[in-house]
C-alpha cells in the first residue's frame, strides 16, 4: 500500500468519510489560492 492510502484510511477513521473526501477535493483549490498569493498565473 502506498503512503497516501494509509494516510487516507487513517483520516477516514478519525474524521469520517465525508469530511475526508471533502478535504481531498478542496486540495486543488488551496493550491490555486497559494499560487495566486505568490503571484503566479492560473495557467
Protein backbone atom coordinates (compact mmCIF):
# COMPACT_ATOMS: atom_id res chain seq x y z
CA UNK A 1 0.00 0.00 0.00
CA UNK A 2 1.26 3.47 -0.74
CA UNK A 3 1.71 6.04 1.99
CA UNK A 4 -1.20 8.17 0.74
CA UNK A 5 -3.61 5.24 1.02
CA UNK A 6 -2.51 4.58 4.59
CA UNK A 7 -2.98 8.25 5.44
CA UNK A 8 -6.42 8.28 3.78
CA UNK A 9 -7.60 5.25 5.72
CA UNK A 10 -6.27 6.77 8.94
CA UNK A 11 -8.06 10.07 8.24
CA UNK A 12 -11.33 8.28 7.49
CA UNK A 13 -11.07 6.59 10.86
CA UNK A 14 -10.59 9.91 12.64
CA UNK A 15 -12.69 12.36 10.59
CA UNK A 16 -15.20 10.24 8.72
CA UNK A 17 -15.62 9.57 5.03
CA UNK A 18 -17.50 12.75 4.08
CA UNK A 19 -15.06 15.20 5.67
CA UNK A 20 -12.01 13.34 4.39
CA UNK A 21 -13.31 13.27 0.81
CA UNK A 22 -14.30 16.95 1.03
CA UNK A 23 -10.76 17.87 2.08
CA UNK A 24 -9.30 15.74 -0.71
CA UNK A 25 -11.44 17.53 -3.32
CA UNK A 26 -10.67 21.02 -1.96
CA UNK A 27 -6.89 20.50 -2.06
CA UNK A 28 -6.59 21.75 -5.66
CA UNK A 29 -8.41 24.95 -4.65
CA UNK A 30 -5.91 25.51 -1.83
CA UNK A 31 -3.01 25.09 -4.26
CA UNK A 32 -4.55 27.60 -6.68
CA UNK A 33 -5.03 30.18 -3.89
CA UNK A 34 -1.43 29.73 -2.71
CA UNK A 35 -0.11 30.16 -6.26
CA UNK A 36 -2.19 33.33 -6.76
CA UNK A 37 -0.89 34.75 -3.48
CA UNK A 38 2.65 34.04 -4.65
CA UNK A 39 1.97 35.97 -7.86
CA UNK A 40 1.74 33.07 -10.28
CA UNK A 41 -0.64 32.80 -13.20
CA UNK A 42 -3.58 30.35 -13.06
CA UNK A 43 -2.43 28.66 -16.27
